Amino acid sequence: MSNIDALLSEMWRDYISYTPSAEKISKLFGEHVTNDHIAFRTLNLDQCNIFKQANYLQQFGYTISGDYHFEQKKLNAVHLENVEERLPKIFLSELILEEFSSELKEFFVNIFSKIHLSEKELFMGGRFWEIDYDIYTKLAQESEYASWLYVWGFCPNHFTVSINHLTKYQDIEAVNAMIKANGFTLNSSGGEIKGTKQEMLEQSSIMADKIKVRFGAIDEIVPSCYYEFAKRYSDNSGKIYQGFVTTSADKIFESTNK
């Protein structure tokens, strides 16, 4: 097993430990599931921004292949592709702290002034700070993304089934029907299917699992992570589209809403 295969396997094990639905669904397909992409969340601070994350991935053959801006959610993002096409794309997004209240920005600046993270820990480090439920709730009023990051820290936010590589399912409608038939709830923000064949990418996702988390002296149930499904289409040259559609991704982000 190569270093990158070992890292991706480690990421999957980490992810299903707090997203048990993903492991259950992956088994429901009854065949090998190819991963389209893995997504991570971070902040636009020097210690942990998307370019520092991308720098770590370069050693494994990954390069930045697209960049995106989410005006409403106040995020920047990039996606990376590997020289080995069999490997999943990586989607990295960061919260633009300057576009939020001074309280929110200073809160995260203060946290990160006290910790030093290795580059790998920006993907697999989890959380390095204590959490308070009142702070979580207050952050969520400004940004669900910020409140999620406060609780979960650095870890895979979602993995994605590549429908193109399935043999038993040819389209996203059939996948969605199977998911719902097995009792899982799809993210319906903007419709269950985000994107179109014309945009060369259709996506759907389940709503994030709800997990008990310790906040100081109390336990609370909060959203963890979700599983996504993607069907890609060819462009005029016959090449399968490898990028992302911001209007669709904007709605996919809401899979971690409470």
C-alpha atoms as a PDB file:
ATOM      1  CA  MET A   1       0.000   0.000   0.000  1.00  0.00           C
ATOM      2  CA  SER A   2       1.401   3.406  -0.988  1.00  0.00           C
ATOM      3  CA  ASN A   3       1.696   6.284   1.470  1.00  0.00           C
ATOM      4  CA  ILE A   4      -1.307   8.034  -0.045  1.00  0.00           C
ATOM      5  CA  ASP A   5      -3.440   4.874   0.042  1.00  0.00           C
ATOM      6  CA  ALA A   6      -2.521   4.431   3.698  1.00  0.00           C
ATOM      7  CA  LEU A   7      -3.437   8.063   4.425  1.00  0.00           C
ATOM      8  CA  LEU A   8      -6.786   7.782   2.613  1.00  0.00           C
ATOM      9  CA  SER A   9      -7.593   4.585   4.522  1.00  0.00           C
ATOM     10  CA  GLU A  10      -6.765   6.339   7.773  1.00  0.00           C
ATOM     11  CA  MET A  11      -9.045   9.226   6.773  1.00  0.00           C
ATOM     12  CA  TRP A  12     -11.912   6.807   6.037  1.00  0.00           C
ATOM     13  CA  ARG A  13     -11.531   5.052   9.416  1.00  0.00           C
ATOM     14  CA  ASP A  14     -11.519   8.413  11.177  1.00  0.00           C
ATOM     15  CA  TYR A  15     -14.566   9.610   9.228  1.00  0.00           C
ATOM     16  CA  ILE A  16     -16.791   6.562   9.851  1.00  0.00           C
ATOM     17  CA  SER A  17     -16.028   6.696  13.582  1.00  0.00           C
ATOM     18  CA  TYR A  18     -18.283   9.779  13.804  1.00  0.00           C
ATOM     19  CA  THR A  19     -20.302   9.182  10.595  1.00  0.00           C
ATOM     20  CA  PRO A  20     -21.567   5.602  11.034  1.00  0.00           C
ATOM     21  CA  SER A  21     -24.200   6.089   8.328  1.00  0.00           C
ATOM     22  CA  ALA A  22     -21.462   6.346   5.693  1.00  0.00           C
ATOM     23  CA  GLU A  23     -20.117   2.877   6.476  1.00  0.00           C
ATOM     24  CA  LYS A  24     -23.641   1.419   6.488  1.00  0.00           C
ATOM     25  CA  ILE A  25     -24.516   3.017   3.143  1.00  0.00           C
ATOM     26  CA  SER A  26     -21.239   2.016   1.506  1.00  0.00           C
ATOM     27  CA  LYS A  27     -22.107  -1.609   2.303  1.00  0.00           C
ATOM     28  CA  LEU A  28     -25.650  -1.240   0.929  1.00  0.00           C
ATOM     29  CA  PHE A  29     -24.250  -0.813  -2.591  1.00  0.00           C
ATOM     30  CA  GLY A  30     -23.027  -4.403  -2.463  1.00  0.00           C
ATOM     31  CA  GLU A  31     -19.962  -3.646  -4.575  1.00  0.00           C
ATOM     32  CA  HIS A  32     -16.690  -1.756  -4.443  1.00  0.00           C
ATOM     33  CA  VAL A  33     -17.356   1.955  -3.937  1.00  0.00           C
ATOM     34  CA  THR A  34     -14.995   4.415  -5.632  1.00  0.00           C
ATOM     35  CA  ASN A  35     -14.593   7.726  -3.836  1.00  0.00           C
ATOM     36  CA  ASP A  36     -15.123  10.833  -5.986  1.00  0.00           C
ATOM     37  CA  HIS A  37     -13.754  13.343  -3.472  1.00  0.00           C
ATOM     38  CA  ILE A  38     -13.056  14.024   0.204  1.00  0.00           C
ATOM     39  CA  ALA A  39     -13.801  17.433   1.714  1.00  0.00           C
ATOM     40  CA  PHE A  40     -12.245  19.323   4.620  1.00  0.00           C
ATOM     41  CA  ARG A  41     -13.079  22.566   6.423  1.00  0.00           C
ATOM     42  CA  THR A  42     -10.684  25.132   7.873  1.00  0.00           C
ATOM     43  CA  LEU A  43     -10.083  28.860   8.456  1.00  0.00           C
ATOM     44  CA  ASN A  44      -8.111  31.433   6.451  1.00  0.00           C
ATOM     45  CA  LEU A  45      -5.429  31.761   9.132  1.00  0.00           C
ATOM     46  CA  ASP A  46      -1.733  31.346   8.319  1.00  0.00           C
ATOM     47  CA  GLN A  47      -1.522  28.308  10.600  1.00  0.00           C
ATOM     48  CA  CYS A  48      -4.252  26.307   8.873  1.00  0.00           C
ATOM     49  CA  ASN A  49      -5.464  27.804   5.574  1.00  0.00           C
ATOM     50  CA  ILE A  50      -6.296  25.827   2.440  1.00  0.00           C
ATOM     51  CA  PHE A  51      -2.934  26.589   0.849  1.00  0.00           C
ATOM     52  CA  LYS A  52      -1.060  25.172   3.823  1.00  0.00           C
ATOM     53  CA  GLN A  53      -3.259  22.074   3.521  1.00  0.00           C
ATOM     54  CA  ALA A  54      -2.656  21.890  -0.232  1.00  0.00           C
ATOM     55  CA  ASN A  55       1.094  22.166   0.361  1.00  0.00           C
ATOM     56  CA  TYR A  56       0.999  18.999   2.473  1.00  0.00           C
ATOM     57  CA  LEU A  57      -0.872  17.090  -0.238  1.00  0.00           C
ATOM     58  CA  GLN A  58       1.667  17.971  -2.944  1.00  0.00           C
ATOM     59  CA  GLN A  59       4.022  15.241  -1.722  1.00  0.00           C
ATOM     60  CA  PHE A  60       1.331  12.697  -2.643  1.00  0.00           C
ATOM     61  CA  GLY A  61       0.940  13.967  -6.209  1.00  0.00           C
ATOM     62  CA  TYR A  62      -1.929  16.407  -5.642  1.00  0.00           C
ATOM     63  CA  THR A  63      -2.120  19.830  -7.304  1.00  0.00           C
ATOM     64  CA  ILE A  64      -4.730  22.600  -7.161  1.00  0.00           C
ATOM     65  CA  SER A  65      -7.023  22.275 -10.190  1.00  0.00           C
ATOM     66  CA  GLY A  66      -9.855  24.737  -9.440  1.00  0.00           C
ATOM     67  CA  ASP A  67     -10.803  27.566  -7.097  1.00  0.00           C
ATOM     68  CA  TYR A  68     -14.183  28.749  -5.847  1.00  0.00           C
ATOM     69  CA  HIS A  69     -15.828  31.502  -3.799  1.00  0.00           C
ATOM     70  CA  PHE A  70     -19.026  31.193  -1.762  1.00  0.00           C
ATOM     71  CA  GLU A  71     -20.326  34.697  -1.176  1.00  0.00           C
ATOM     72  CA  GLN A  72     -23.283  33.832   1.039  1.00  0.00           C
ATOM     73  CA  LYS A  73     -21.391  31.461   3.312  1.00  0.00           C
ATOM     74  CA  LYS A  74     -18.227  33.615   3.172  1.00  0.00           C
ATOM     75  CA  LEU A  75     -15.891  30.825   2.102  1.00  0.00           C
ATOM     76  CA  ASN A  76     -13.055  30.317  -0.331  1.00  0.00           C
ATOM     77  CA  ALA A  77     -12.238  26.863  -1.661  1.00  0.00           C
ATOM     78  CA  VAL A  78      -9.973  24.902  -3.966  1.00  0.00           C
ATOM     79  CA  HIS A  79     -10.076  21.390  -5.303  1.00  0.00           C
ATOM     80  CA  LEU A  80      -7.030  19.230  -5.937  1.00  0.00           C
ATOM     81  CA  GLU A  81      -6.540  16.379  -8.373  1.00  0.00           C
ATOM     82  CA  ASN A  82      -3.931  13.646  -8.306  1.00  0.00           C
ATOM     83  CA  VAL A  83      -1.592  12.576 -11.089  1.00  0.00           C
ATOM     84  CA  GLU A  84      -3.094   9.119 -10.523  1.00  0.00           C
ATOM     85  CA  GLU A  85      -6.658   9.447 -11.768  1.00  0.00           C
ATOM     86  CA  ARG A  86      -7.838   6.524  -9.608  1.00  0.00           C
ATOM     87  CA  LEU A  87      -7.330   8.646  -6.489  1.00  0.00           C
ATOM     88  CA  PRO A  88     -10.120  10.877  -5.152  1.00  0.00           C
ATOM     89  CA  LYS A  89     -10.155  14.614  -5.600  1.00  0.00           C
ATOM     90  CA  ILE A  90      -9.709  16.694  -2.438  1.00  0.00           C
ATOM     91  CA  PHE A  91     -11.979  19.688  -1.762  1.00  0.00           C
ATOM     92  CA  LEU A  92     -10.612  22.244   0.710  1.00  0.00           C
ATOM     93  CA  SER A  93     -12.696  25.164   1.986  1.00  0.00           C
ATOM     94  CA  GLU A  94     -11.904  27.941   4.472  1.00  0.00           C
ATOM     95  CA  LEU A  95     -13.959  30.469   6.401  1.00  0.00           C
ATOM     96  CA  ILE A  96     -13.043  34.084   5.554  1.00  0.00           C
ATOM     97  CA  LEU A  97     -12.796  35.426   9.106  1.00  0.00           C
ATOM     98  CA  GLU A  98     -12.584  39.099   8.076  1.00  0.00           C
ATOM     99  CA  GLU A  99     -16.158  38.922   6.790  1.00  0.00           C
ATOM    100  CA  PHE A 100     -17.587  38.038  10.203  1.00  0.00           C
ATOM    101  CA  SER A 101     -17.974  39.901  13.478  1.00  0.00           C
ATOM    102  CA  SER A 102     -14.839  40.957  15.336  1.00  0.00           C
ATOM    103  CA  GLU A 103     -15.948  38.653  18.183  1.00  0.00           C
ATOM    104  CA  LEU A 104     -15.997  35.577  15.948  1.00  0.00           C
ATOM    105  CA  LYS A 105     -12.706  36.433  14.272  1.00  0.00           C
ATOM    106  CA  GLU A 106     -10.904  37.195  17.548  1.00  0.00           C
ATOM    107  CA  PHE A 107     -12.297  34.030  19.114  1.00  0.00           C
ATOM    108  CA  PHE A 108     -10.652  31.804  16.498  1.00  0.00           C
ATOM    109  CA  VAL A 109      -7.476  33.897  16.295  1.00  0.00           C
ATOM    110  CA  ASN A 110      -7.112  33.450  20.052  1.00  0.00           C
ATOM    111  CA  ILE A 111      -7.600  29.675  19.864  1.00  0.00           C
ATOM    112  CA  PHE A 112      -5.011  29.281  17.147  1.00  0.00           C
ATOM    113  CA  SER A 113      -2.477  31.537  18.838  1.00  0.00           C
ATOM    114  CA  LYS A 114      -2.135  28.841  21.502  1.00  0.00           C
ATOM    115  CA  ILE A 115      -1.720  25.707  19.407  1.00  0.00           C
ATOM    116  CA  HIS A 116       0.768  24.486  16.846  1.00  0.00           C
ATOM    117  CA  LEU A 117      -0.432  21.967  14.288  1.00  0.00           C
ATOM    118  CA  SER A 118       1.557  19.748  11.994  1.00  0.00           C
ATOM    119  CA  GLU A 119       0.396  19.727   8.360  1.00  0.00           C
ATOM    120  CA  LYS A 120      -1.076  16.231   8.753  1.00  0.00           C
ATOM    121  CA  GLU A 121      -3.017  17.383  11.818  1.00  0.00           C
ATOM    122  CA  LEU A 122      -4.809  19.883   9.564  1.00  0.00           C
ATOM    123  CA  PHE A 123      -6.549  16.820   8.102  1.00  0.00           C
ATOM    124  CA  MET A 124      -6.575  14.295  10.933  1.00  0.00           C
ATOM    125  CA  GLY A 125      -5.902  16.239  14.123  1.00  0.00           C
ATOM    126  CA  GLY A 126      -9.458  16.625  15.330  1.00  0.00           C
ATOM    127  CA  ARG A 127     -10.004  19.283  17.990  1.00  0.00           C
ATOM    128  CA  PHE A 128      -7.273  20.708  20.229  1.00  0.00           C
ATOM    129  CA  TRP A 129      -9.439  22.859  22.505  1.00  0.00           C
ATOM    130  CA  GLU A 130     -12.197  22.519  25.071  1.00  0.00           C
ATOM    131  CA  ILE A 131     -15.725  23.353  23.901  1.00  0.00           C
ATOM    132  CA  ASP A 132     -18.674  25.128  25.485  1.00  0.00           C
ATOM    133  CA  TYR A 133     -22.260  24.632  24.310  1.00  0.00           C
ATOM    134  CA  ASP A 134     -23.239  28.291  24.709  1.00  0.00           C
ATOM    135  CA  ILE A 135     -20.290  29.326  22.537  1.00  0.00           C
ATOM    136  CA  TYR A 136     -21.260  26.665  19.980  1.00  0.00           C
ATOM    137  CA  THR A 137     -24.801  28.045  19.852  1.00  0.00           C
ATOM    138  CA  LYS A 138     -23.598  31.638  19.509  1.00  0.00           C
ATOM    139  CA  LEU A 139     -21.193  30.734  16.689  1.00  0.00           C
ATOM    140  CA  ALA A 140     -23.990  28.909  14.878  1.00  0.00           C
ATOM    141  CA  GLN A 141     -26.038  32.114  14.793  1.00  0.00           C
ATOM    142  CA  GLU A 142     -23.322  33.692  12.623  1.00  0.00           C
ATOM    143  CA  SER A 143     -22.068  30.671  10.736  1.00  0.00           C
ATOM    144  CA  GLU A 144     -23.050  26.999  10.858  1.00  0.00           C
ATOM    145  CA  TYR A 145     -19.669  26.272   9.266  1.00  0.00           C
ATOM    146  CA  ALA A 146     -17.859  28.023  12.131  1.00  0.00           C
ATOM    147  CA  SER A 147     -19.835  26.190  14.808  1.00  0.00           C
ATOM    148  CA  TRP A 148     -19.187  22.841  13.110  1.00  0.00           C
ATOM    149  CA  LEU A 149     -15.446  23.533  12.952  1.00  0.00           C
ATOM    150  CA  TYR A 150     -15.462  24.578  16.617  1.00  0.00           C
ATOM    151  CA  VAL A 151     -16.816  21.168  17.643  1.00  0.00           C
ATOM    152  CA  TRP A 152     -15.068  18.831  15.204  1.00  0.00           C
ATOM    153  CA  GLY A 153     -11.815  20.559  14.342  1.00  0.00           C
ATOM    154  CA  PHE A 154      -9.717  19.031  11.576  1.00  0.00           C
ATOM    155  CA  CYS A 155     -11.149  15.861  10.089  1.00  0.00           C
ATOM    156  CA  PRO A 156     -12.803  14.666   6.879  1.00  0.00           C
ATOM    157  CA  ASN A 157     -16.131  16.479   6.497  1.00  0.00           C
ATOM    158  CA  HIS A 158     -17.453  14.073   3.879  1.00  0.00           C
ATOM    159  CA  PHE A 159     -16.563  11.308   1.482  1.00  0.00           C
ATOM    160  CA  THR A 160     -18.402  10.962  -1.829  1.00  0.00           C
ATOM    161  CA  VAL A 161     -19.626   7.937  -3.758  1.00  0.00           C
ATOM    162  CA  SER A 162     -18.735   8.109  -7.454  1.00  0.00           C
ATOM    163  CA  ILE A 163     -21.916   6.955  -9.198  1.00  0.00           C
ATOM    164  CA  ASN A 164     -19.957   6.775 -12.452  1.00  0.00           C
ATOM    165  CA  HIS A 165     -18.001   3.815 -11.069  1.00  0.00           C
ATOM    166  CA  LEU A 166     -20.991   1.827  -9.765  1.00  0.00           C
ATOM    167  CA  THR A 167     -22.240  -1.151 -11.778  1.00  0.00           C
ATOM    168  CA  LYS A 168     -25.671  -1.634 -10.142  1.00  0.00           C
ATOM    169  CA  TYR A 169     -26.734   2.025 -10.264  1.00  0.00           C
ATOM    170  CA  GLN A 170     -26.448   4.205 -13.341  1.00  0.00           C
ATOM    171  CA  ASP A 171     -28.013   7.468 -12.188  1.00  0.00           C
ATOM    172  CA  ILE A 172     -28.431   9.628  -9.115  1.00  0.00           C
ATOM    173  CA  GLU A 173     -32.214   9.144  -8.973  1.00  0.00           C
ATOM    174  CA  ALA A 174     -31.770   5.396  -8.416  1.00  0.00           C
ATOM    175  CA  VAL A 175     -29.113   5.976  -5.757  1.00  0.00           C
ATOM    176  CA  ASN A 176     -31.321   8.487  -3.932  1.00  0.00           C
ATOM    177  CA  ALA A 177     -34.277   6.092  -4.036  1.00  0.00           C
ATOM    178  CA  MET A 178     -32.164   3.322  -2.491  1.00  0.00           C
ATOM    179  CA  ILE A 179     -30.839   5.646   0.207  1.00  0.00           C
ATOM    180  CA  LYS A 180     -34.349   6.763   1.203  1.00  0.00           C
ATOM    181  CA  ALA A 181     -35.736   3.214   1.049  1.00  0.00           C
ATOM    182  CA  ASN A 182     -33.165   2.275   3.676  1.00  0.00           C
ATOM    183  CA  GLY A 183     -34.319   4.985   6.063  1.00  0.00           C
ATOM    184  CA  PHE A 184     -31.754   7.731   5.479  1.00  0.00           C
ATOM    185  CA  THR A 185     -32.746  11.394   5.103  1.00  0.00           C
ATOM    186  CA  LEU A 186     -31.489  13.295   2.066  1.00  0.00           C
ATOM    187  CA  ASN A 187     -30.501  16.948   2.144  1.00  0.00           C
ATOM    188  CA  SER A 188     -33.429  18.635   0.346  1.00  0.00           C
ATOM    189  CA  SER A 189     -32.041  22.195   0.369  1.00  0.00           C
ATOM    190  CA  GLY A 190     -32.356  23.356  -3.246  1.00  0.00           C
ATOM    191  CA  GLY A 191     -33.891  19.966  -4.116  1.00  0.00           C
ATOM    192  CA  GLU A 192     -32.600  16.470  -3.428  1.00  0.00           C
ATOM    193  CA  ILE A 193     -30.482  16.630  -6.594  1.00  0.00           C
ATOM    194  CA  LYS A 194     -28.137  19.596  -6.852  1.00  0.00           C
ATOM    195  CA  GLY A 195     -26.829  20.441 -10.304  1.00  0.00           C
ATOM    196  CA  THR A 196     -27.812  19.244 -13.777  1.00  0.00           C
ATOM    197  CA  LYS A 197     -26.450  17.251 -16.687  1.00  0.00           C
ATOM    198  CA  GLN A 198     -25.880  20.578 -18.450  1.00  0.00           C
ATOM    199  CA  GLU A 199     -23.619  21.646 -15.584  1.00  0.00           C
ATOM    200  CA  MET A 200     -21.925  18.233 -15.953  1.00  0.00           C
ATOM    201  CA  LEU A 201     -22.313  17.393 -12.261  1.00  0.00           C
ATOM    202  CA  GLU A 202     -25.254  16.094 -10.215  1.00  0.00           C
ATOM    203  CA  GLN A 203     -24.863  15.729  -6.443  1.00  0.00           C
ATOM    204  CA  SER A 204     -26.913  14.615  -3.472  1.00  0.00           C
ATOM    205  CA  SER A 205     -26.138  13.874   0.172  1.00  0.00           C
ATOM    206  CA  ILE A 206     -27.645  12.579   3.364  1.00  0.00           C
ATOM    207  CA  MET A 207     -28.124  14.890   6.310  1.00  0.00           C
ATOM    208  CA  ALA A 208     -25.269  14.633   8.802  1.00  0.00           C
ATOM    209  CA  ASP A 209     -25.393  12.018  11.527  1.00  0.00           C
ATOM    210  CA  LYS A 210     -26.333  13.291  14.980  1.00  0.00           C
ATOM    211  CA  ILE A 211     -23.678  12.419  17.564  1.00  0.00           C
ATOM    212  CA  LYS A 212     -23.464  12.903  21.329  1.00  0.00           C
ATOM    213  CA  VAL A 213     -20.619  15.295  22.123  1.00  0.00           C
ATOM    214  CA  ARG A 214     -19.224  16.298  25.527  1.00  0.00           C
ATOM    215  CA  PHE A 215     -19.369  20.047  26.169  1.00  0.00           C
ATOM    216  CA  GLY A 216     -17.613  20.578  29.513  1.00  0.00           C
ATOM    217  CA  ALA A 217     -19.911  18.962  32.061  1.00  0.00           C
ATOM    218  CA  ILE A 218     -22.828  18.264  29.721  1.00  0.00           C
ATOM    219  CA  ASP A 219     -23.568  16.083  26.707  1.00  0.00           C
ATOM    220  CA  GLU A 220     -25.402  17.456  23.677  1.00  0.00           C
ATOM    221  CA  ILE A 221     -26.459  15.903  20.366  1.00  0.00           C
ATOM    222  CA  VAL A 222     -24.987  17.799  17.397  1.00  0.00           C
ATOM    223  CA  PRO A 223     -24.522  17.138  13.653  1.00  0.00           C
ATOM    224  CA  SER A 224     -21.282  15.416  12.698  1.00  0.00           C
ATOM    225  CA  CYS A 225     -20.698  14.566   9.036  1.00  0.00           C
ATOM    226  CA  TYR A 226     -22.511  13.289   5.975  1.00  0.00           C
ATOM    227  CA  TYR A 227     -22.085  11.066   2.912  1.00  0.00           C
ATOM    228  CA  GLU A 228     -22.350  12.478  -0.600  1.00  0.00           C
ATOM    229  CA  PHE A 229     -23.143  10.980  -4.022  1.00  0.00           C
ATOM    230  CA  ALA A 230     -21.915  12.426  -7.327  1.00  0.00           C
ATOM    231  CA  LYS A 231     -22.600  11.707 -11.004  1.00  0.00           C
ATOM    232  CA  ARG A 232     -20.297  13.402 -13.518  1.00  0.00           C
ATOM    233  CA  TYR A 233     -20.870  13.986 -17.235  1.00  0.00           C
ATOM    234  CA  SER A 234     -18.670  14.564 -20.260  1.00  0.00           C
ATOM    235  CA  ASP A 235     -17.931  17.950 -21.789  1.00  0.00           C
ATOM    236  CA  ASN A 236     -17.931  18.644 -25.539  1.00  0.00           C
ATOM    237  CA  SER A 237     -14.521  17.019 -25.917  1.00  0.00           C
ATOM    238  CA  GLY A 238     -15.726  13.819 -24.293  1.00  0.00           C
ATOM    239  CA  LYS A 239     -13.737  14.375 -21.092  1.00  0.00           C
ATOM    240  CA  ILE A 240     -15.512  13.744 -17.815  1.00  0.00           C
ATOM    241  CA  TYR A 241     -15.898  17.026 -15.892  1.00  0.00           C
ATOM    242  CA  GLN A 242     -13.759  17.015 -12.743  1.00  0.00           C
ATOM    243  CA  GLY A 243     -14.616  20.376 -11.192  1.00  0.00           C
ATOM    244  CA  PHE A 244     -17.347  21.573  -8.858  1.00  0.00           C
ATOM    245  CA  VAL A 245     -20.430  23.817  -9.189  1.00  0.00           C
ATOM    246  CA  THR A 246     -20.591  26.517  -6.508  1.00  0.00           C
ATOM    247  CA  THR A 247     -24.391  26.846  -6.490  1.00  0.00           C
ATOM    248  CA  SER A 248     -24.662  23.112  -5.837  1.00  0.00           C
ATOM    249  CA  ALA A 249     -21.834  22.942  -3.294  1.00  0.00           C
ATOM    250  CA  ASP A 250     -23.427  25.851  -1.439  1.00  0.00           C
ATOM    251  CA  LYS A 251     -26.472  23.658  -0.737  1.00  0.00           C
ATOM    252  CA  ILE A 252     -24.383  20.553  -0.016  1.00  0.00           C
ATOM    253  CA  PHE A 253     -22.669  22.492   2.810  1.00  0.00           C
ATOM    254  CA  GLU A 254     -26.079  22.639   4.509  1.00  0.00           C
ATOM    255  CA  SER A 255     -25.987  18.882   5.122  1.00  0.00           C
ATOM    256  CA  THR A 256     -24.462  19.674   8.524  1.00  0.00           C
ATOM    257  CA  ASN A 257     -27.248  22.085   9.520  1.00  0.00           C
ATOM    258  CA  LYS A 258     -29.061  21.228  12.751  1.00  0.00           C
END
